[in-house]
Amino acid sequence: MHAEAAIKALSLPELPLLQDICVVPVYDEPLEALLACLAHPFACETALIWVFNCPENAPELAVKRTQSCLHHLRQKADFHDMGGGLLSARASKHLNVLVLDFTDSANAIPAKQGVGLARKLGLDLAIRLCERQLAGGEATPHWLHNCDADVSWPAGYMQIPAPQPGQVVSLYPFRHQPERGWQQAMALYDLRLQYYVALLNRAGSPYAFQTLGSAIAVTPQAYIQVHGMPKRSGGEDFYFLNKLAKLGVVNSLEQPALTIAGRPSERVPFGTGPALKDIRQLADPLADYQLYHPLGFERLRLLLSAVRSYHAQNGDFLSFLANNCGAHAEVIENVLCQLGVQRFLSHLARQTHQRPFPQLFHIWFDGFQTLKFIHTMRALDCPDLRLREISVYKDLLGPGLLDSIDSLL
């Protein structure tokens, strides 16, 4: 396993047979949020791994608040120091709490690795716990749950169905609970999240799912196969799921729904916190906020429809697109060429493959390439539109998005 050296070196505490494991990075969070986690009614033997961390570039006050939170937490339970920054405590009937302390300057998280490394440290520890159970002839937990300290856990959290054959991820539904005064900004940002996934789904993309780190449950085996969580200060969840989706099924659950705090923040370079602050800086958010042009997704739909119909015997792929994407064929081919489709096709021609072309195409044209496709369309002739401009494209949206836009306007 590609575990971090600090985790490989740890001496593990003796724990009961675990059925659930949850990893939560903790940086500049209030103690009350962690105490709420401890109060959750755990239904079976669970390990909760808190990764207290401070990036190298963290403000001094944020570091002090994080260290103070850990200090007060240690007074709430009888923690045993296992060495190497690992603390262990039996917190309640079914709950074992493990704390990784990466708050000191000597072991601070590199700024560019941020929350991604924090998550990876916790998940690598979770894998070591799974491997120990496996070595003892016991089953491992079905899922490794990823969450954040600003999430309120609903009843039934972690009690989700076991993975079906071929499934590697379950994604929890969620809703944001905005801080007072940030309701409009939160509603606009939530619309962006809904809009992107809904239009990807309409286009037939296999990458049509939300990518929030606090909503991911991954199988231990799949985590190992993708070599762990990407060590990035932001977007680690997007790239993690992008890799996992190439292994197997990413299932979006219908329940239980997480409640995530909607608050401005600068703890990460992009995401919910920074986005809310950007929206509030608009002179008139409802009038000025912009989303991707629906026409870019319509062209994506035409492309993916052609991909599903293409087989090697159809001849040259780009010629096939020209005959099957109508008036949009030229611009679709132009964008694909900018994304490197010629290299992909040349590589494919030199290989012997047993898998069908659409499957191979989507390994190359993944979630990141899909996002670049939409961005390139935007730069060509599909500029972002304001909400009132988007609502004109009723046929490309569907009733759910139209209702969401109408309710905001």
Protein backbone atom coordinates (compact mmCIF):
# COMPACT_ATOMS: atom_id res chain seq x y z
CA MET A 1 0.00 0.00 0.00
CA HIS A 2 1.21 3.55 -0.75
CA ALA A 3 0.87 4.66 2.86
CA GLU A 4 2.59 7.72 4.29
CA ALA A 5 5.81 6.91 6.19
CA ALA A 6 4.44 8.49 9.38
CA ILE A 7 1.51 6.05 9.32
CA LYS A 8 3.62 3.00 8.53
CA ALA A 9 5.74 3.72 11.60
CA LEU A 10 2.85 3.86 14.08
CA SER A 11 2.17 1.31 16.80
CA LEU A 12 -1.55 0.54 16.61
CA PRO A 13 -3.76 0.37 19.69
CA GLU A 14 -5.66 -2.80 20.52
CA LEU A 15 -9.22 -2.34 19.33
CA PRO A 16 -12.36 -4.49 19.15
CA LEU A 17 -13.41 -5.88 15.78
CA LEU A 18 -14.34 -2.79 13.76
CA GLN A 19 -17.41 -2.62 11.53
CA ASP A 20 -17.19 1.07 10.58
CA ILE A 21 -14.38 3.59 10.16
CA CYS A 22 -14.78 7.32 9.61
CA VAL A 23 -11.98 9.82 8.87
CA VAL A 24 -12.37 13.53 9.63
CA PRO A 25 -9.67 16.18 9.07
CA VAL A 26 -9.70 18.91 11.73
CA TYR A 27 -8.24 22.34 11.09
CA ASP A 28 -9.51 25.48 12.87
CA GLU A 29 -12.79 23.86 13.92
CA PRO A 30 -14.80 24.58 17.07
CA LEU A 31 -14.71 22.01 19.86
CA GLU A 32 -18.51 21.89 19.82
CA ALA A 33 -18.49 20.31 16.36
CA LEU A 34 -16.31 17.44 17.56
CA LEU A 35 -18.36 16.91 20.70
CA ALA A 36 -21.43 16.59 18.49
CA CYS A 37 -19.69 13.73 16.67
CA LEU A 38 -19.02 12.00 20.00
CA ALA A 39 -22.70 12.27 20.88
CA HIS A 40 -23.80 10.47 17.70
CA PRO A 41 -25.59 7.15 18.44
CA PHE A 42 -23.13 4.65 16.94
CA ALA A 43 -24.89 1.40 16.13
CA CYS A 44 -21.84 -0.86 15.89
CA GLU A 45 -18.15 -0.98 16.68
CA THR A 46 -16.67 2.16 15.07
CA ALA A 47 -13.30 3.86 14.78
CA LEU A 48 -13.48 7.65 14.40
CA ILE A 49 -10.16 9.01 13.16
CA TRP A 50 -9.61 12.72 13.68
CA VAL A 51 -6.63 14.17 11.82
CA PHE A 52 -5.70 17.41 13.57
CA ASN A 53 -3.58 19.33 11.12
CA CYS A 54 -2.22 22.77 10.36
CA PRO A 55 -0.79 23.72 6.96
CA GLU A 56 2.66 25.30 6.94
CA ASN A 57 1.16 28.62 5.84
CA ALA A 58 -1.64 28.59 8.42
CA PRO A 59 -2.22 31.88 10.28
CA GLU A 60 -0.87 31.80 13.81
CA LEU A 61 -4.31 32.27 15.36
CA ALA A 62 -5.72 29.34 13.36
CA VAL A 63 -2.88 27.13 14.58
CA LYS A 64 -3.51 28.17 18.19
CA ARG A 65 -7.24 27.51 17.85
CA THR A 66 -6.60 24.05 16.39
CA GLN A 67 -4.13 23.15 19.14
CA SER A 68 -6.47 24.51 21.80
CA CYS A 69 -9.31 22.40 20.41
CA LEU A 70 -7.15 19.28 20.66
CA HIS A 71 -6.08 20.23 24.20
CA HIS A 72 -9.68 20.55 25.38
CA LEU A 73 -10.69 17.37 23.58
CA ARG A 74 -8.00 15.43 25.45
CA GLN A 75 -9.64 16.53 28.69
CA LYS A 76 -12.95 15.00 27.58
CA ALA A 77 -11.67 11.42 27.27
CA ASP A 78 -8.92 9.20 28.64
CA PHE A 79 -6.53 9.22 25.69
CA HIS A 80 -3.54 6.91 25.55
CA ASP A 81 -0.46 8.24 23.77
CA MET A 82 0.67 5.58 21.27
CA GLY A 83 3.66 7.62 20.09
CA GLY A 84 4.25 9.18 16.69
CA GLY A 85 1.42 11.67 17.22
CA LEU A 86 -1.27 8.97 17.65
CA LEU A 87 -3.73 9.13 20.54
CA SER A 88 -6.37 6.50 21.31
CA ALA A 89 -9.43 6.51 23.57
CA ARG A 90 -12.55 4.46 24.18
CA ALA A 91 -15.17 7.21 24.01
CA SER A 92 -18.45 5.31 24.40
CA LYS A 93 -20.04 1.87 24.11
CA HIS A 94 -19.29 1.41 20.40
CA LEU A 95 -16.88 4.26 19.70
CA ASN A 96 -13.11 4.23 19.52
CA VAL A 97 -11.49 7.61 18.85
CA LEU A 98 -8.07 7.83 17.24
CA VAL A 99 -6.36 11.21 16.94
CA LEU A 100 -3.47 12.00 14.64
CA ASP A 101 -1.68 15.17 15.74
CA PHE A 102 -0.07 17.12 12.89
CA THR A 103 -0.42 20.57 14.42
CA ASP A 104 3.15 21.36 15.43
CA SER A 105 5.53 23.23 13.16
CA ALA A 106 7.79 20.14 13.08
CA ASN A 107 5.12 18.04 11.36
CA ALA A 108 2.89 20.68 9.75
CA ILE A 109 1.13 19.73 6.52
CA PRO A 110 2.87 21.15 3.39
CA ALA A 111 0.74 24.04 2.16
CA LYS A 112 0.24 22.58 -1.32
CA GLN A 113 -0.86 19.20 0.09
CA GLY A 114 -3.35 20.61 2.60
CA VAL A 115 -6.57 18.78 3.29
CA GLY A 116 -5.75 16.06 0.76
CA LEU A 117 -2.76 14.90 2.80
CA ALA A 118 -4.77 15.22 6.02
CA ARG A 119 -7.45 12.92 4.59
CA LYS A 120 -4.80 10.52 3.27
CA LEU A 121 -3.09 10.23 6.64
CA GLY A 122 -6.39 9.25 8.26
CA LEU A 123 -7.39 6.85 5.49
CA ASP A 124 -3.94 5.24 5.45
CA LEU A 125 -4.38 4.58 9.17
CA ALA A 126 -7.83 3.14 8.45
CA ILE A 127 -6.28 0.76 5.92
CA ARG A 128 -3.73 -0.41 8.49
CA LEU A 129 -6.60 -1.21 10.87
CA CYS A 130 -8.35 -3.13 8.08
CA GLU A 131 -5.20 -5.06 7.21
CA ARG A 132 -4.76 -6.10 10.82
CA GLN A 133 -8.28 -7.48 10.95
CA LEU A 134 -7.76 -9.26 7.65
CA ALA A 135 -4.51 -10.79 8.89
CA GLY A 136 -6.44 -12.09 11.91
CA GLY A 137 -8.94 -13.83 9.65
CA GLU A 138 -11.67 -11.27 10.27
CA ALA A 139 -13.70 -9.28 7.76
CA THR A 140 -12.93 -5.63 7.18
CA PRO A 141 -15.49 -2.81 7.25
CA HIS A 142 -17.38 -2.48 3.97
CA TRP A 143 -16.69 1.25 3.77
CA LEU A 144 -14.18 3.88 4.77
CA HIS A 145 -16.26 6.99 5.41
CA ASN A 146 -14.85 10.44 4.71
CA CYS A 147 -16.39 13.44 6.40
CA ASP A 148 -15.63 16.93 7.72
CA ALA A 149 -15.99 18.51 11.12
CA ASP A 150 -18.63 20.99 9.90
CA VAL A 151 -21.09 18.19 9.02
CA SER A 152 -24.07 17.20 11.16
CA TRP A 153 -24.55 13.44 11.00
CA PRO A 154 -28.11 12.19 10.46
CA ALA A 155 -29.58 9.09 12.02
CA GLY A 156 -28.34 6.12 10.04
CA TYR A 157 -25.04 7.70 9.07
CA MET A 158 -22.56 4.94 8.18
CA GLN A 159 -25.42 2.41 8.21
CA ILE A 160 -25.63 2.19 4.43
CA PRO A 161 -25.95 -0.90 2.20
CA ALA A 162 -22.86 -2.98 1.56
CA PRO A 163 -21.28 -2.45 -1.86
CA GLN A 164 -22.85 -4.29 -4.75
CA PRO A 165 -20.59 -6.25 -7.13
CA GLY A 166 -18.46 -3.75 -9.05
CA GLN A 167 -19.33 -0.84 -6.75
CA VAL A 168 -16.43 1.18 -5.29
CA VAL A 169 -18.08 4.31 -3.84
CA SER A 170 -21.27 5.46 -2.17
CA LEU A 171 -21.95 9.20 -2.09
CA TYR A 172 -24.22 10.64 0.58
CA PRO A 173 -26.80 13.25 -0.38
CA PHE A 174 -26.32 16.55 1.42
CA ARG A 175 -27.77 19.96 2.05
CA HIS A 176 -26.00 23.12 3.13
CA GLN A 177 -27.15 25.01 6.22
CA PRO A 178 -26.02 28.60 5.58
CA GLU A 179 -24.89 30.95 8.27
CA ARG A 180 -27.19 33.87 8.89
CA GLY A 181 -26.73 36.49 6.18
CA TRP A 182 -25.30 34.03 3.67
CA GLN A 183 -28.56 32.38 2.55
CA GLN A 184 -28.64 33.90 -0.94
CA ALA A 185 -24.99 33.17 -1.66
CA MET A 186 -25.46 29.60 -0.44
CA ALA A 187 -28.55 29.11 -2.62
CA LEU A 188 -26.66 30.30 -5.69
CA TYR A 189 -23.70 28.05 -4.97
CA ASP A 190 -25.98 25.06 -4.37
CA LEU A 191 -27.62 25.79 -7.70
CA ARG A 192 -24.19 25.63 -9.36
CA LEU A 193 -23.55 22.20 -7.84
CA GLN A 194 -26.99 20.94 -8.89
CA TYR A 195 -26.74 22.47 -12.34
CA TYR A 196 -23.42 20.93 -13.30
CA VAL A 197 -24.30 17.39 -12.23
CA ALA A 198 -27.82 17.54 -13.70
CA LEU A 199 -26.54 18.64 -17.10
CA LEU A 200 -23.76 16.04 -17.05
CA ASN A 201 -26.41 13.44 -16.29
CA ARG A 202 -28.58 14.67 -19.17
CA ALA A 203 -25.54 14.44 -21.45
CA GLY A 204 -25.01 10.80 -20.47
CA SER A 205 -21.68 11.30 -18.70
CA PRO A 206 -20.54 8.51 -16.33
CA TYR A 207 -19.01 11.27 -14.21
CA ALA A 208 -22.34 12.87 -13.28
CA PHE A 209 -22.01 12.86 -9.50
CA GLN A 210 -21.25 15.35 -6.74
CA THR A 211 -17.62 15.52 -5.57
CA LEU A 212 -17.68 16.66 -1.95
CA GLY A 213 -15.03 15.13 0.29
CA SER A 214 -17.38 15.05 3.26
CA ALA A 215 -19.88 12.80 1.46
CA ILE A 216 -17.65 9.94 0.26
CA ALA A 217 -17.67 6.32 1.40
CA VAL A 218 -15.06 4.19 -0.42
CA THR A 219 -14.30 0.48 -0.19
CA PRO A 220 -10.90 -0.33 1.36
CA GLN A 221 -9.83 -2.29 -1.72
CA ALA A 222 -10.68 0.55 -4.11
CA TYR A 223 -8.81 3.02 -1.89
CA ILE A 224 -5.70 0.86 -2.16
CA GLN A 225 -6.10 0.41 -5.91
CA VAL A 226 -6.02 4.16 -6.60
CA HIS A 227 -3.02 4.62 -4.27
CA GLY A 228 -4.90 6.69 -1.75
CA MET A 229 -6.26 10.20 -1.54
CA PRO A 230 -4.51 12.80 -3.76
CA LYS A 231 -2.30 15.09 -1.70
CA ARG A 232 -3.77 18.44 -2.77
CA SER A 233 -4.85 21.53 -0.83
CA GLY A 234 -8.13 21.60 -2.73
CA GLY A 235 -9.98 19.49 -5.27
CA GLU A 236 -8.65 16.30 -3.70
CA ASP A 237 -12.18 14.90 -3.60
CA PHE A 238 -12.74 15.60 -7.32
CA TYR A 239 -9.53 13.86 -8.41
CA PHE A 240 -10.07 11.00 -5.95
CA LEU A 241 -13.52 10.23 -7.33
CA ASN A 242 -12.26 10.73 -10.87
CA LYS A 243 -9.83 7.84 -10.35
CA LEU A 244 -12.34 5.68 -8.52
CA ALA A 245 -14.98 6.03 -11.25
CA LYS A 246 -12.59 4.29 -13.66
CA LEU A 247 -12.49 1.26 -11.36
CA GLY A 248 -16.17 0.66 -10.79
CA VAL A 249 -19.58 2.02 -9.92
CA VAL A 250 -20.02 5.30 -8.05
CA ASN A 251 -23.46 5.14 -6.44
CA SER A 252 -25.28 8.27 -5.26
CA LEU A 253 -27.41 7.39 -2.24
CA GLU A 254 -30.90 8.76 -1.73
CA GLN A 255 -30.56 8.80 2.07
CA PRO A 256 -29.50 9.62 4.74
CA ALA A 257 -28.69 13.24 3.93
CA LEU A 258 -25.81 15.09 5.56
CA THR A 259 -26.20 18.68 6.74
CA ILE A 260 -23.09 20.71 5.93
CA ALA A 261 -22.38 24.14 7.36
CA GLY A 262 -22.53 26.79 4.65
CA ARG A 263 -19.99 29.37 5.76
CA PRO A 264 -17.40 31.68 4.25
CA SER A 265 -13.88 30.39 4.68
CA GLU A 266 -10.33 30.75 3.43
CA ARG A 267 -9.05 27.44 4.78
CA VAL A 268 -8.90 26.00 1.27
CA PRO A 269 -8.08 27.77 -2.04
CA PHE A 270 -11.41 26.94 -3.62
CA GLY A 271 -14.68 25.23 -2.74
CA THR A 272 -17.73 26.28 -0.76
CA GLY A 273 -16.11 28.79 1.61
CA PRO A 274 -14.22 30.88 -0.99
CA ALA A 275 -17.12 30.62 -3.45
CA LEU A 276 -19.55 32.17 -0.96
CA LYS A 277 -17.23 35.13 -0.44
CA ASP A 278 -16.89 35.62 -4.20
CA ILE A 279 -20.67 35.61 -4.64
CA ARG A 280 -21.17 38.18 -1.88
CA GLN A 281 -18.75 40.51 -3.67
CA LEU A 282 -21.05 40.75 -6.71
CA ALA A 283 -22.97 44.03 -6.90
CA ASP A 284 -26.25 42.18 -7.48
CA PRO A 285 -25.74 38.40 -7.04
CA LEU A 286 -29.11 37.35 -8.45
CA ALA A 287 -28.63 39.47 -11.56
CA ASP A 288 -24.90 38.98 -12.02
CA TYR A 289 -24.17 35.37 -11.01
CA GLN A 290 -23.29 33.21 -13.99
CA LEU A 291 -23.30 29.51 -14.83
CA TYR A 292 -21.95 27.46 -17.73
CA HIS A 293 -23.80 27.82 -21.03
CA PRO A 294 -26.28 24.95 -21.53
CA LEU A 295 -25.21 24.63 -25.16
CA GLY A 296 -21.80 23.30 -24.07
CA PHE A 297 -23.55 20.38 -22.36
CA GLU A 298 -25.77 19.81 -25.39
CA ARG A 299 -22.64 19.38 -27.49
CA LEU A 300 -21.29 17.03 -24.83
CA ARG A 301 -24.51 15.01 -25.14
CA LEU A 302 -24.07 14.74 -28.91
CA LEU A 303 -20.46 13.61 -28.47
CA LEU A 304 -21.25 10.96 -25.87
CA SER A 305 -24.20 9.67 -27.89
CA ALA A 306 -21.86 9.19 -30.87
CA VAL A 307 -19.29 7.46 -28.65
CA ARG A 308 -21.87 4.91 -27.51
CA SER A 309 -22.63 4.09 -31.16
CA TYR A 310 -19.04 3.87 -32.36
CA HIS A 311 -17.27 0.57 -32.97
CA ALA A 312 -13.98 -0.15 -34.67
CA GLN A 313 -15.74 -1.36 -37.79
CA ASN A 314 -17.32 2.08 -38.18
CA GLY A 315 -13.99 3.38 -39.48
CA ASP A 316 -12.21 6.54 -38.39
CA PHE A 317 -13.62 7.94 -35.14
CA LEU A 318 -13.39 11.61 -36.09
CA SER A 319 -15.06 10.92 -39.43
CA PHE A 320 -17.77 9.08 -37.52
CA LEU A 321 -18.29 12.15 -35.33
CA ALA A 322 -18.55 14.36 -38.41
CA ASN A 323 -21.42 12.19 -39.65
CA ASN A 324 -23.21 11.86 -36.32
CA CYS A 325 -23.01 15.22 -34.53
CA GLY A 326 -24.85 17.33 -37.07
CA ALA A 327 -24.13 21.05 -37.24
CA HIS A 328 -22.02 20.88 -34.07
CA ALA A 329 -19.57 18.29 -35.40
CA GLU A 330 -16.85 20.73 -36.37
CA VAL A 331 -16.69 22.55 -33.04
CA ILE A 332 -16.85 19.25 -31.11
CA GLU A 333 -13.92 17.87 -33.11
CA ASN A 334 -12.03 21.13 -32.62
CA VAL A 335 -12.39 20.92 -28.84
CA LEU A 336 -11.49 17.22 -28.74
CA CYS A 337 -8.33 17.92 -30.71
CA GLN A 338 -7.38 20.63 -28.23
CA LEU A 339 -7.83 18.05 -25.46
CA GLY A 340 -5.51 15.54 -27.17
CA VAL A 341 -7.89 13.08 -28.80
CA GLN A 342 -5.37 12.36 -31.57
CA ARG A 343 -2.85 11.07 -29.02
CA PHE A 344 -5.55 8.92 -27.44
CA LEU A 345 -6.58 7.43 -30.80
CA SER A 346 -2.97 6.85 -31.87
CA HIS A 347 -2.23 5.07 -28.61
CA LEU A 348 -5.37 2.98 -29.04
CA ALA A 349 -4.38 1.97 -32.59
CA ARG A 350 -1.07 0.55 -31.33
CA GLN A 351 -2.70 -1.60 -28.66
CA THR A 352 -4.76 -4.78 -28.60
CA HIS A 353 -7.81 -4.21 -26.42
CA GLN A 354 -10.51 -6.53 -25.19
CA ARG A 355 -12.70 -3.75 -23.83
CA PRO A 356 -15.20 -1.89 -26.01
CA PHE A 357 -14.33 1.55 -27.38
CA PRO A 358 -16.84 3.52 -25.22
CA GLN A 359 -15.26 2.15 -22.04
CA LEU A 360 -11.75 3.03 -23.21
CA PHE A 361 -12.92 6.46 -24.33
CA HIS A 362 -14.30 7.27 -20.89
CA ILE A 363 -11.06 6.24 -19.20
CA TRP A 364 -9.38 8.93 -21.29
CA PHE A 365 -12.29 11.38 -21.41
CA ASP A 366 -12.73 11.35 -17.65
CA GLY A 367 -14.27 13.84 -15.26
CA PHE A 368 -11.33 16.22 -15.61
CA GLN A 369 -11.39 16.05 -19.41
CA THR A 370 -15.14 16.57 -19.29
CA LEU A 371 -14.68 19.74 -17.25
CA LYS A 372 -12.00 20.94 -19.70
CA PHE A 373 -14.40 20.21 -22.58
CA ILE A 374 -16.99 22.53 -21.02
CA HIS A 375 -14.36 25.18 -20.27
CA THR A 376 -13.01 25.05 -23.82
CA MET A 377 -16.53 25.40 -25.23
CA ARG A 378 -16.94 28.43 -22.98
CA ALA A 379 -13.78 30.00 -24.42
CA LEU A 380 -14.91 29.35 -28.01
CA ASP A 381 -18.55 30.38 -28.32
CA CYS A 382 -20.44 29.34 -25.18
CA PRO A 383 -19.78 32.10 -22.65
CA ASP A 384 -21.26 31.82 -19.16
CA LEU A 385 -24.80 33.13 -18.82
CA ARG A 386 -26.77 34.88 -16.10
CA LEU A 387 -29.71 33.04 -14.59
CA ARG A 388 -32.35 34.88 -16.62
CA GLU A 389 -30.42 34.13 -19.81
CA ILE A 390 -30.12 30.44 -18.90
CA SER A 391 -33.84 30.08 -18.20
CA VAL A 392 -34.51 30.68 -21.90
CA TYR A 393 -32.97 27.27 -22.72
CA LYS A 394 -35.88 25.30 -21.30
CA ASP A 395 -35.40 22.31 -23.62
CA LEU A 396 -31.81 21.85 -22.47
CA LEU A 397 -32.46 22.08 -18.74
CA GLY A 398 -35.37 20.00 -17.56
CA PRO A 399 -38.08 20.89 -15.02
CA GLY A 400 -35.93 20.39 -11.88
CA LEU A 401 -33.35 23.01 -12.85
CA LEU A 402 -35.97 25.38 -14.18
CA ASP A 403 -37.84 25.21 -10.89
CA SER A 404 -34.62 25.90 -8.94
CA ILE A 405 -33.78 28.91 -11.13
CA ASP A 406 -37.33 30.24 -11.01
CA SER A 407 -37.46 29.97 -7.23
CA LEU A 408 -34.28 32.05 -6.94
CA LEU A 409 -35.43 34.68 -9.40
